[in-house]
Amino acid sequence: MDMLSTTGLLLGSLTANTVASLSGGGGGLLQLPLLLFLGLPFTVALITHKVAAVALGLGATCEHIRNKTTSWRDIIFVILSGMAGVLIGSNSILYVPDQIAESVLGALVLALGFYSITKKTFGQEYTPINRDFKGLLIGGLCLTVIGIINGSLTAGTGLFVTLFLVRWFGFDYKQAVALTLISVGVFWNGLGAVTLYKVGAEIYWPWVPALVVGSAIGGYLGARISTRYSTMLIKRAFEMLTIIIGLKLLI
């Protein structure tokens, strides 16, 4: 890549991942199209993005762990709940019709945004619920389903996890975003990248350094903003991103 293309890729990755780190996901729906626009085939762009997404998670993890935004018990629960789904989704990516999948994903993401908008106090306070055996079992199964979507479609699923953690377990937005970025960003995406690589997908290594640098810095910046401002700011960022991305996928 020439210097101009490398700079554009770095800035695009930095912007996408800063917003994703602040709102709890959606970076793939901004970064993945950039890779496709620059000429990568879908599967190559997918696995290359997943490698960069791990850097996003690591960048955000440093700030959230330092500020003790979430607990390792919750992190491990989300990681383990989604791992089987990620494996299933990553192994079935070749069987998913892209156009249908994108339209369905767009409608669901748009619905997430409108749901959050209509609930004025949604995600503003930590009100733990569904922490008994039945609640954890149902929550874990739902996270497994989201993991399947993450493995097969990769983009936008962090937003699903963020909203689900708020709605089902009663986390506030700040806690849910931290949980999503660490669990999904680092571990789900890392597992998905390894699985895709083993089934034959190729990483486009020349673009990885710029993507990793942009993702890591963006993840840290977004996390730093989210830990210093109110949950309402994170809620608005989540709603803005879900509506923009949902419309983009549908149109």
C-alpha atoms as a PDB file:
ATOM      1  CA  MET A   1       0.000   0.000   0.000  1.00  0.00           C
ATOM      2  CA  ASP A   2       1.134   3.539  -0.662  1.00  0.00           C
ATOM      3  CA  MET A   3       1.340   6.134   2.108  1.00  0.00           C
ATOM      4  CA  LEU A   4      -2.012   7.735   1.213  1.00  0.00           C
ATOM      5  CA  SER A   5      -3.890   4.421   1.347  1.00  0.00           C
ATOM      6  CA  THR A   6      -2.177   3.415   4.586  1.00  0.00           C
ATOM      7  CA  THR A   7      -3.073   6.741   6.204  1.00  0.00           C
ATOM      8  CA  GLY A   8      -6.682   6.432   5.051  1.00  0.00           C
ATOM      9  CA  LEU A   9      -6.921   2.892   6.417  1.00  0.00           C
ATOM     10  CA  LEU A  10      -5.407   3.975   9.747  1.00  0.00           C
ATOM     11  CA  LEU A  11      -7.762   6.959  10.135  1.00  0.00           C
ATOM     12  CA  GLY A  12     -10.786   4.913   9.077  1.00  0.00           C
ATOM     13  CA  SER A  13      -9.930   2.198  11.578  1.00  0.00           C
ATOM     14  CA  LEU A  14      -9.269   4.751  14.336  1.00  0.00           C
ATOM     15  CA  THR A  15     -12.629   6.495  13.783  1.00  0.00           C
ATOM     16  CA  ALA A  16     -14.663   3.290  13.508  1.00  0.00           C
ATOM     17  CA  ASN A  17     -13.170   1.721  16.604  1.00  0.00           C
ATOM     18  CA  THR A  18     -13.342   4.842  18.774  1.00  0.00           C
ATOM     19  CA  VAL A  19     -17.091   5.020  18.142  1.00  0.00           C
ATOM     20  CA  ALA A  20     -17.460   1.249  18.601  1.00  0.00           C
ATOM     21  CA  SER A  21     -15.546   1.322  21.883  1.00  0.00           C
ATOM     22  CA  LEU A  22     -17.767   4.113  23.193  1.00  0.00           C
ATOM     23  CA  SER A  23     -21.068   2.515  22.194  1.00  0.00           C
ATOM     24  CA  GLY A  24     -20.266  -1.153  22.778  1.00  0.00           C
ATOM     25  CA  GLY A  25     -19.941  -2.507  19.245  1.00  0.00           C
ATOM     26  CA  GLY A  26     -20.643  -1.811  15.601  1.00  0.00           C
ATOM     27  CA  GLY A  27     -17.072  -1.173  14.526  1.00  0.00           C
ATOM     28  CA  GLY A  28     -17.221  -4.026  12.039  1.00  0.00           C
ATOM     29  CA  LEU A  29     -20.119  -2.406  10.206  1.00  0.00           C
ATOM     30  CA  LEU A  30     -17.894   0.616   9.630  1.00  0.00           C
ATOM     31  CA  GLN A  31     -14.506  -1.067   9.208  1.00  0.00           C
ATOM     32  CA  LEU A  32     -15.517  -4.139   7.187  1.00  0.00           C
ATOM     33  CA  PRO A  33     -17.053  -2.100   4.314  1.00  0.00           C
ATOM     34  CA  LEU A  34     -13.843  -0.044   4.215  1.00  0.00           C
ATOM     35  CA  LEU A  35     -11.812  -3.199   3.608  1.00  0.00           C
ATOM     36  CA  LEU A  36     -14.252  -4.344   0.925  1.00  0.00           C
ATOM     37  CA  PHE A  37     -14.136  -0.908  -0.734  1.00  0.00           C
ATOM     38  CA  LEU A  38     -10.338  -1.092  -0.858  1.00  0.00           C
ATOM     39  CA  GLY A  39     -10.583  -4.355  -2.784  1.00  0.00           C
ATOM     40  CA  LEU A  40     -10.437  -7.312  -0.393  1.00  0.00           C
ATOM     41  CA  PRO A  41     -12.716 -10.324  -1.052  1.00  0.00           C
ATOM     42  CA  PHE A  42     -15.413 -10.797   1.607  1.00  0.00           C
ATOM     43  CA  THR A  43     -13.872 -13.754   3.462  1.00  0.00           C
ATOM     44  CA  VAL A  44     -10.398 -12.160   3.465  1.00  0.00           C
ATOM     45  CA  ALA A  45     -11.851  -8.854   4.674  1.00  0.00           C
ATOM     46  CA  LEU A  46     -13.817 -10.713   7.354  1.00  0.00           C
ATOM     47  CA  ILE A  47     -10.863 -12.491   8.960  1.00  0.00           C
ATOM     48  CA  THR A  48      -8.573  -9.451   8.550  1.00  0.00           C
ATOM     49  CA  HIS A  49     -11.173  -7.356  10.364  1.00  0.00           C
ATOM     50  CA  LYS A  50     -11.454  -9.927  13.163  1.00  0.00           C
ATOM     51  CA  VAL A  51      -7.702  -9.743  13.772  1.00  0.00           C
ATOM     52  CA  ALA A  52      -7.990  -5.961  14.066  1.00  0.00           C
ATOM     53  CA  ALA A  53     -11.077  -6.296  16.291  1.00  0.00           C
ATOM     54  CA  VAL A  54      -8.986  -8.163  18.845  1.00  0.00           C
ATOM     55  CA  ALA A  55      -6.747  -5.094  19.026  1.00  0.00           C
ATOM     56  CA  LEU A  56      -9.858  -2.968  19.649  1.00  0.00           C
ATOM     57  CA  GLY A  57     -10.779  -5.208  22.564  1.00  0.00           C
ATOM     58  CA  LEU A  58      -7.262  -5.102  23.997  1.00  0.00           C
ATOM     59  CA  GLY A  59      -7.113  -1.322  23.759  1.00  0.00           C
ATOM     60  CA  ALA A  60     -10.441  -0.973  25.563  1.00  0.00           C
ATOM     61  CA  THR A  61      -9.595  -3.699  28.099  1.00  0.00           C
ATOM     62  CA  CYS A  62      -6.596  -1.782  29.452  1.00  0.00           C
ATOM     63  CA  GLU A  63      -8.765   1.207  30.368  1.00  0.00           C
ATOM     64  CA  HIS A  64     -11.779  -0.715  31.677  1.00  0.00           C
ATOM     65  CA  ILE A  65      -9.701  -3.063  33.844  1.00  0.00           C
ATOM     66  CA  ARG A  66      -7.771  -0.106  35.245  1.00  0.00           C
ATOM     67  CA  ASN A  67     -11.043   1.618  36.179  1.00  0.00           C
ATOM     68  CA  LYS A  68     -12.645  -1.634  37.437  1.00  0.00           C
ATOM     69  CA  THR A  69     -15.710  -1.035  35.273  1.00  0.00           C
ATOM     70  CA  THR A  70     -16.637  -4.725  35.342  1.00  0.00           C
ATOM     71  CA  SER A  71     -15.708  -7.972  37.100  1.00  0.00           C
ATOM     72  CA  TRP A  72     -13.797 -11.016  35.874  1.00  0.00           C
ATOM     73  CA  ARG A  73     -16.671 -13.280  36.950  1.00  0.00           C
ATOM     74  CA  ASP A  74     -19.036 -11.551  34.516  1.00  0.00           C
ATOM     75  CA  ILE A  75     -16.373 -11.466  31.801  1.00  0.00           C
ATOM     76  CA  ILE A  76     -15.726 -15.218  32.047  1.00  0.00           C
ATOM     77  CA  PHE A  77     -19.475 -15.956  31.970  1.00  0.00           C
ATOM     78  CA  VAL A  78     -19.986 -13.995  28.732  1.00  0.00           C
ATOM     79  CA  ILE A  79     -16.857 -15.505  27.142  1.00  0.00           C
ATOM     80  CA  LEU A  80     -17.837 -19.094  27.896  1.00  0.00           C
ATOM     81  CA  SER A  81     -21.487 -18.579  26.928  1.00  0.00           C
ATOM     82  CA  GLY A  82     -20.624 -17.368  23.442  1.00  0.00           C
ATOM     83  CA  MET A  83     -17.666 -19.580  22.535  1.00  0.00           C
ATOM     84  CA  ALA A  84     -19.673 -22.536  21.188  1.00  0.00           C
ATOM     85  CA  GLY A  85     -21.803 -20.184  19.108  1.00  0.00           C
ATOM     86  CA  VAL A  86     -18.745 -18.477  17.632  1.00  0.00           C
ATOM     87  CA  LEU A  87     -17.327 -21.856  16.586  1.00  0.00           C
ATOM     88  CA  ILE A  88     -20.610 -22.854  14.933  1.00  0.00           C
ATOM     89  CA  GLY A  89     -20.982 -19.509  13.157  1.00  0.00           C
ATOM     90  CA  SER A  90     -17.387 -19.366  11.930  1.00  0.00           C
ATOM     91  CA  ASN A  91     -17.670 -22.847  10.433  1.00  0.00           C
ATOM     92  CA  SER A  92     -20.951 -22.021   8.668  1.00  0.00           C
ATOM     93  CA  ILE A  93     -20.043 -18.633   7.178  1.00  0.00           C
ATOM     94  CA  LEU A  94     -19.841 -20.033   3.630  1.00  0.00           C
ATOM     95  CA  TYR A  95     -23.491 -21.122   3.804  1.00  0.00           C
ATOM     96  CA  VAL A  96     -24.932 -17.715   4.778  1.00  0.00           C
ATOM     97  CA  PRO A  97     -26.429 -15.687   1.852  1.00  0.00           C
ATOM     98  CA  ASP A  98     -24.812 -12.256   2.282  1.00  0.00           C
ATOM     99  CA  GLN A  99     -27.711 -10.092   1.055  1.00  0.00           C
ATOM    100  CA  ILE A 100     -30.394 -11.788   3.153  1.00  0.00           C
ATOM    101  CA  ALA A 101     -28.160 -11.878   6.204  1.00  0.00           C
ATOM    102  CA  GLU A 102     -27.308  -8.175   5.925  1.00  0.00           C
ATOM    103  CA  SER A 103     -30.974  -7.177   5.551  1.00  0.00           C
ATOM    104  CA  VAL A 104     -32.067  -9.203   8.574  1.00  0.00           C
ATOM    105  CA  LEU A 105     -29.130  -7.904  10.614  1.00  0.00           C
ATOM    106  CA  GLY A 106     -29.946  -4.331   9.573  1.00  0.00           C
ATOM    107  CA  ALA A 107     -33.570  -4.645  10.689  1.00  0.00           C
ATOM    108  CA  LEU A 108     -32.561  -6.135  14.034  1.00  0.00           C
ATOM    109  CA  VAL A 109     -29.883  -3.505  14.714  1.00  0.00           C
ATOM    110  CA  LEU A 110     -32.350  -0.721  13.823  1.00  0.00           C
ATOM    111  CA  ALA A 111     -34.882  -2.230  16.225  1.00  0.00           C
ATOM    112  CA  LEU A 112     -32.250  -2.174  19.006  1.00  0.00           C
ATOM    113  CA  GLY A 113     -31.751   1.545  18.540  1.00  0.00           C
ATOM    114  CA  PHE A 114     -35.451   2.401  18.589  1.00  0.00           C
ATOM    115  CA  TYR A 115     -36.027   0.146  21.599  1.00  0.00           C
ATOM    116  CA  SER A 116     -33.350   2.004  23.568  1.00  0.00           C
ATOM    117  CA  ILE A 117     -34.744   5.403  22.501  1.00  0.00           C
ATOM    118  CA  THR A 118     -38.262   4.576  23.706  1.00  0.00           C
ATOM    119  CA  LYS A 119     -36.956   3.486  27.122  1.00  0.00           C
ATOM    120  CA  LYS A 120     -35.859   6.789  28.665  1.00  0.00           C
ATOM    121  CA  THR A 121     -34.165   5.358  31.762  1.00  0.00           C
ATOM    122  CA  PHE A 122     -32.995   2.153  30.086  1.00  0.00           C
ATOM    123  CA  GLY A 123     -29.433   1.244  31.078  1.00  0.00           C
ATOM    124  CA  GLN A 124     -28.911   4.275  33.303  1.00  0.00           C
ATOM    125  CA  GLU A 125     -28.681   2.397  36.595  1.00  0.00           C
ATOM    126  CA  TYR A 126     -27.272  -0.939  37.681  1.00  0.00           C
ATOM    127  CA  THR A 127     -30.275  -3.067  38.709  1.00  0.00           C
ATOM    128  CA  PRO A 128     -29.138  -6.725  38.773  1.00  0.00           C
ATOM    129  CA  ILE A 129     -31.803  -9.236  37.689  1.00  0.00           C
ATOM    130  CA  ASN A 130     -31.944 -12.846  36.437  1.00  0.00           C
ATOM    131  CA  ARG A 131     -28.910 -13.927  38.452  1.00  0.00           C
ATOM    132  CA  ASP A 132     -30.461 -17.224  39.630  1.00  0.00           C
ATOM    133  CA  PHE A 133     -29.752 -20.558  37.892  1.00  0.00           C
ATOM    134  CA  LYS A 134     -32.680 -20.269  35.460  1.00  0.00           C
ATOM    135  CA  GLY A 135     -31.830 -16.678  34.551  1.00  0.00           C
ATOM    136  CA  LEU A 136     -28.163 -17.481  33.979  1.00  0.00           C
ATOM    137  CA  LEU A 137     -29.062 -20.548  31.883  1.00  0.00           C
ATOM    138  CA  ILE A 138     -31.433 -18.615  29.612  1.00  0.00           C
ATOM    139  CA  GLY A 139     -28.985 -15.721  29.391  1.00  0.00           C
ATOM    140  CA  GLY A 140     -26.132 -18.068  28.512  1.00  0.00           C
ATOM    141  CA  LEU A 141     -28.165 -19.738  25.742  1.00  0.00           C
ATOM    142  CA  CYS A 142     -29.093 -16.342  24.286  1.00  0.00           C
ATOM    143  CA  LEU A 143     -25.427 -15.323  24.291  1.00  0.00           C
ATOM    144  CA  THR A 144     -24.634 -18.591  22.462  1.00  0.00           C
ATOM    145  CA  VAL A 145     -27.097 -17.615  19.722  1.00  0.00           C
ATOM    146  CA  ILE A 146     -25.512 -14.172  19.470  1.00  0.00           C
ATOM    147  CA  GLY A 147     -22.150 -15.944  19.288  1.00  0.00           C
ATOM    148  CA  ILE A 148     -23.351 -17.854  16.209  1.00  0.00           C
ATOM    149  CA  ILE A 149     -24.214 -14.539  14.564  1.00  0.00           C
ATOM    150  CA  ASN A 150     -20.835 -13.142  15.594  1.00  0.00           C
ATOM    151  CA  GLY A 151     -18.984 -16.044  14.037  1.00  0.00           C
ATOM    152  CA  SER A 152     -20.903 -15.961  10.771  1.00  0.00           C
ATOM    153  CA  LEU A 153     -21.617 -12.261  10.213  1.00  0.00           C
ATOM    154  CA  THR A 154     -19.014 -10.678  12.556  1.00  0.00           C
ATOM    155  CA  ALA A 155     -20.340  -7.121  12.212  1.00  0.00           C
ATOM    156  CA  GLY A 156     -22.784  -5.501  14.621  1.00  0.00           C
ATOM    157  CA  THR A 157     -23.090  -8.331  17.116  1.00  0.00           C
ATOM    158  CA  GLY A 158     -21.344  -6.375  19.864  1.00  0.00           C
ATOM    159  CA  LEU A 159     -24.379  -4.086  19.860  1.00  0.00           C
ATOM    160  CA  PHE A 160     -26.630  -7.113  20.458  1.00  0.00           C
ATOM    161  CA  VAL A 161     -24.520  -8.243  23.398  1.00  0.00           C
ATOM    162  CA  THR A 162     -24.470  -4.746  24.907  1.00  0.00           C
ATOM    163  CA  LEU A 163     -28.242  -4.345  24.788  1.00  0.00           C
ATOM    164  CA  PHE A 164     -28.875  -7.914  25.936  1.00  0.00           C
ATOM    165  CA  LEU A 165     -26.658  -7.454  29.001  1.00  0.00           C
ATOM    166  CA  VAL A 166     -28.589  -4.304  29.910  1.00  0.00           C
ATOM    167  CA  ARG A 167     -32.037  -5.792  29.251  1.00  0.00           C
ATOM    168  CA  TRP A 168     -31.633  -9.299  30.688  1.00  0.00           C
ATOM    169  CA  PHE A 169     -29.070  -8.906  33.472  1.00  0.00           C
ATOM    170  CA  GLY A 170     -29.727  -5.280  34.480  1.00  0.00           C
ATOM    171  CA  PHE A 171     -26.256  -3.851  33.820  1.00  0.00           C
ATOM    172  CA  ASP A 172     -26.000  -0.147  33.109  1.00  0.00           C
ATOM    173  CA  TYR A 173     -24.624   0.880  29.710  1.00  0.00           C
ATOM    174  CA  LYS A 174     -21.141   1.589  31.039  1.00  0.00           C
ATOM    175  CA  GLN A 175     -20.786  -1.900  32.548  1.00  0.00           C
ATOM    176  CA  ALA A 176     -22.360  -3.604  29.528  1.00  0.00           C
ATOM    177  CA  VAL A 177     -20.037  -1.838  27.087  1.00  0.00           C
ATOM    178  CA  ALA A 178     -16.982  -2.849  29.127  1.00  0.00           C
ATOM    179  CA  LEU A 179     -18.157  -6.467  29.271  1.00  0.00           C
ATOM    180  CA  THR A 180     -18.814  -6.544  25.532  1.00  0.00           C
ATOM    181  CA  LEU A 181     -15.497  -5.028  24.499  1.00  0.00           C
ATOM    182  CA  ILE A 182     -13.472  -7.418  26.640  1.00  0.00           C
ATOM    183  CA  SER A 183     -15.468 -10.612  26.065  1.00  0.00           C
ATOM    184  CA  VAL A 184     -16.532 -10.140  22.451  1.00  0.00           C
ATOM    185  CA  GLY A 185     -13.724  -7.870  21.303  1.00  0.00           C
ATOM    186  CA  VAL A 186     -10.833  -9.990  22.524  1.00  0.00           C
ATOM    187  CA  PHE A 187     -12.060 -13.545  23.025  1.00  0.00           C
ATOM    188  CA  TRP A 188     -15.019 -14.063  20.657  1.00  0.00           C
ATOM    189  CA  ASN A 189     -13.292 -12.292  17.775  1.00  0.00           C
ATOM    190  CA  GLY A 190      -9.977 -13.973  18.532  1.00  0.00           C
ATOM    191  CA  LEU A 191     -11.616 -17.398  18.485  1.00  0.00           C
ATOM    192  CA  GLY A 192     -13.502 -16.498  15.302  1.00  0.00           C
ATOM    193  CA  ALA A 193     -10.310 -15.382  13.563  1.00  0.00           C
ATOM    194  CA  VAL A 194      -8.489 -18.598  14.483  1.00  0.00           C
ATOM    195  CA  THR A 195     -11.443 -20.726  13.337  1.00  0.00           C
ATOM    196  CA  LEU A 196     -11.769 -18.906  10.009  1.00  0.00           C
ATOM    197  CA  TYR A 197      -8.031 -19.260   9.449  1.00  0.00           C
ATOM    198  CA  LYS A 198      -8.207 -23.000  10.076  1.00  0.00           C
ATOM    199  CA  VAL A 199     -11.082 -23.485   7.603  1.00  0.00           C
ATOM    200  CA  GLY A 200      -9.057 -21.788   4.882  1.00  0.00           C
ATOM    201  CA  ALA A 201      -9.639 -18.027   5.098  1.00  0.00           C
ATOM    202  CA  GLU A 202      -6.561 -15.913   4.359  1.00  0.00           C
ATOM    203  CA  ILE A 203      -5.476 -12.884   6.392  1.00  0.00           C
ATOM    204  CA  TYR A 204      -4.250  -9.966   4.280  1.00  0.00           C
ATOM    205  CA  TRP A 205      -1.153  -9.245   6.371  1.00  0.00           C
ATOM    206  CA  PRO A 206       0.037  -6.044   4.605  1.00  0.00           C
ATOM    207  CA  TRP A 207      -3.000  -4.175   5.989  1.00  0.00           C
ATOM    208  CA  VAL A 208      -2.905  -5.647   9.486  1.00  0.00           C
ATOM    209  CA  PRO A 209      -0.390  -3.204  11.083  1.00  0.00           C
ATOM    210  CA  ALA A 210      -2.421  -0.088  10.172  1.00  0.00           C
ATOM    211  CA  LEU A 211      -5.669  -1.749  11.244  1.00  0.00           C
ATOM    212  CA  VAL A 212      -4.234  -2.990  14.534  1.00  0.00           C
ATOM    213  CA  VAL A 213      -2.771   0.414  15.445  1.00  0.00           C
ATOM    214  CA  GLY A 214      -6.028   2.219  14.563  1.00  0.00           C
ATOM    215  CA  SER A 215      -8.139  -0.368  16.411  1.00  0.00           C
ATOM    216  CA  ALA A 216      -6.004  -0.400  19.569  1.00  0.00           C
ATOM    217  CA  ILE A 217      -5.840   3.400  19.851  1.00  0.00           C
ATOM    218  CA  GLY A 218      -9.538   3.740  18.987  1.00  0.00           C
ATOM    219  CA  GLY A 219     -10.482   1.113  21.562  1.00  0.00           C
ATOM    220  CA  TYR A 220      -8.498   2.911  24.248  1.00  0.00           C
ATOM    221  CA  LEU A 221      -9.879   6.359  23.359  1.00  0.00           C
ATOM    222  CA  GLY A 222     -13.487   5.174  23.308  1.00  0.00           C
ATOM    223  CA  ALA A 223     -13.063   3.364  26.625  1.00  0.00           C
ATOM    224  CA  ARG A 224     -11.408   6.405  28.178  1.00  0.00           C
ATOM    225  CA  ILE A 225     -14.307   8.621  27.125  1.00  0.00           C
ATOM    226  CA  SER A 226     -16.908   6.124  28.375  1.00  0.00           C
ATOM    227  CA  THR A 227     -15.295   5.792  31.824  1.00  0.00           C
ATOM    228  CA  ARG A 228     -15.200   9.558  32.312  1.00  0.00           C
ATOM    229  CA  TYR A 229     -18.685  10.544  31.202  1.00  0.00           C
ATOM    230  CA  SER A 230     -22.225   9.575  32.144  1.00  0.00           C
ATOM    231  CA  THR A 231     -24.076   6.475  30.998  1.00  0.00           C
ATOM    232  CA  MET A 232     -26.463   8.789  29.114  1.00  0.00           C
ATOM    233  CA  LEU A 233     -23.669   9.721  26.692  1.00  0.00           C
ATOM    234  CA  ILE A 234     -22.993   6.030  26.064  1.00  0.00           C
ATOM    235  CA  LYS A 235     -26.725   5.379  25.624  1.00  0.00           C
ATOM    236  CA  ARG A 236     -26.971   8.155  22.995  1.00  0.00           C
ATOM    237  CA  ALA A 237     -23.858   6.904  21.182  1.00  0.00           C
ATOM    238  CA  PHE A 238     -25.343   3.395  21.133  1.00  0.00           C
ATOM    239  CA  GLU A 239     -28.654   4.666  19.737  1.00  0.00           C
ATOM    240  CA  MET A 240     -27.011   6.847  17.087  1.00  0.00           C
ATOM    241  CA  LEU A 241     -24.758   4.045  15.874  1.00  0.00           C
ATOM    242  CA  THR A 242     -27.501   1.398  15.762  1.00  0.00           C
ATOM    243  CA  ILE A 243     -29.822   3.610  13.702  1.00  0.00           C
ATOM    244  CA  ILE A 244     -27.105   4.672  11.242  1.00  0.00           C
ATOM    245  CA  ILE A 245     -25.822   1.127  10.805  1.00  0.00           C
ATOM    246  CA  GLY A 246     -29.302  -0.407  10.603  1.00  0.00           C
ATOM    247  CA  LEU A 247     -30.331   1.990   7.835  1.00  0.00           C
ATOM    248  CA  LYS A 248     -27.019   1.427   6.043  1.00  0.00           C
ATOM    249  CA  LEU A 249     -27.516  -2.341   5.962  1.00  0.00           C
ATOM    250  CA  LEU A 250     -31.123  -2.083   4.826  1.00  0.00           C
ATOM    251  CA  ILE A 251     -30.484   0.475   2.099  1.00  0.00           C
END
